[in-house]
């Protein structure tokens, strides 16, 4: 039997380390810089640190209301519609 010529393990290891170093350097070099975007206000002081646009009237942020339960006490039988009360 003839043995085929296989690439030595040392050169594969060196190539893997070189590839990982190049990917690491590329990741650092191509990382995005912090954005210098302007966030405009939708309400007075919301979002935090926003900038008001010229000519826009800002209103106070609406107050969240409590959730309303529709048909409170209904659907006690788990959604199965039968005639009469079954408990």
Protein backbone atom coordinates (compact mmCIF):
# COMPACT_ATOMS: atom_id res chain seq x y z
CA UNK A 1 0.00 0.00 0.00
CA UNK A 2 1.14 3.45 -0.82
CA UNK A 3 0.84 6.18 1.71
CA UNK A 4 -0.50 9.43 0.33
CA UNK A 5 1.29 12.65 1.07
CA UNK A 6 -0.65 14.29 3.96
CA UNK A 7 -0.09 17.87 5.07
CA UNK A 8 1.79 17.90 8.38
CA UNK A 9 -0.23 18.83 11.48
CA UNK A 10 2.19 21.61 12.39
CA UNK A 11 1.55 23.58 9.20
CA UNK A 12 -2.24 23.16 9.62
CA UNK A 13 -1.99 24.50 13.17
CA UNK A 14 0.10 27.48 12.08
CA UNK A 15 -2.34 28.23 9.26
CA UNK A 16 -5.29 28.08 11.70
CA UNK A 17 -3.62 30.44 14.14
CA UNK A 18 -2.72 32.85 11.33
CA UNK A 19 -6.29 32.81 10.03
CA UNK A 20 -7.75 33.47 13.48
CA UNK A 21 -5.32 36.36 14.05
CA UNK A 22 -6.26 37.91 10.71
CA UNK A 23 -9.97 37.59 11.51
CA UNK A 24 -9.38 39.18 14.92
CA UNK A 25 -7.48 42.11 13.44
CA UNK A 26 -10.16 42.59 10.78
CA UNK A 27 -12.86 42.58 13.47
CA UNK A 28 -11.10 45.29 15.45
CA UNK A 29 -10.31 47.37 12.38
CA UNK A 30 -13.84 47.21 10.97
CA UNK A 31 -15.74 47.70 14.24
CA UNK A 32 -18.31 50.47 13.97
CA UNK A 33 -17.60 53.84 15.53
CA UNK A 34 -20.12 55.31 17.96
CA UNK A 35 -22.96 57.01 16.14
CA UNK A 36 -23.32 60.75 16.53
CA UNK A 37 -27.04 60.72 15.81
CA UNK A 38 -29.53 63.29 17.05
CA UNK A 39 -32.62 61.94 18.82
CA UNK A 40 -35.61 64.24 18.52
CA UNK A 41 -38.23 64.53 21.26
CA UNK A 42 -41.64 62.94 20.75
CA UNK A 43 -43.04 64.34 24.00
CA UNK A 44 -41.72 66.80 26.57
CA UNK A 45 -38.50 65.23 27.89
CA UNK A 46 -39.07 61.86 26.17
CA UNK A 47 -36.81 60.11 25.29
CA UNK A 48 -34.19 61.13 27.82
CA UNK A 49 -31.66 63.63 26.49
CA UNK A 50 -33.61 64.40 23.32
CA UNK A 51 -33.39 67.55 21.19
CA UNK A 52 -36.52 69.53 20.35
CA UNK A 53 -37.04 70.37 16.68
CA UNK A 54 -37.68 73.95 15.71
CA UNK A 55 -41.34 74.71 15.09
CA UNK A 56 -42.71 71.52 16.68
CA UNK A 57 -45.10 71.88 19.61
CA UNK A 58 -44.35 69.25 22.25
CA UNK A 59 -47.11 67.97 24.47
CA UNK A 60 -46.84 66.12 27.78
CA UNK A 61 -46.61 62.37 27.52
CA UNK A 62 -49.98 60.62 27.92
CA UNK A 63 -50.56 58.84 31.22
CA UNK A 64 -51.00 55.08 31.03
CA UNK A 65 -54.44 53.94 32.15
CA UNK A 66 -55.33 50.77 34.03
CA UNK A 67 -56.28 47.80 31.91
CA UNK A 68 -60.02 47.38 31.41
CA UNK A 69 -61.48 43.90 31.80
CA UNK A 70 -64.26 43.29 29.33
CA UNK A 71 -66.96 40.82 30.35
CA UNK A 72 -65.65 40.55 33.91
CA UNK A 73 -66.91 37.35 35.43
CA UNK A 74 -67.84 35.87 32.06
CA UNK A 75 -66.34 32.82 30.37
CA UNK A 76 -66.11 30.86 33.59
CA UNK A 77 -66.53 27.52 31.85
CA UNK A 78 -63.29 27.83 29.86
CA UNK A 79 -64.80 28.94 26.57
CA UNK A 80 -67.16 25.97 26.05
CA UNK A 81 -70.54 27.34 25.12
CA UNK A 82 -73.25 25.24 26.71
CA UNK A 83 -76.77 26.05 27.67
CA UNK A 84 -77.13 26.82 31.36
CA UNK A 85 -74.64 27.29 34.16
CA UNK A 86 -72.19 24.43 34.70
CA UNK A 87 -69.62 24.75 37.43
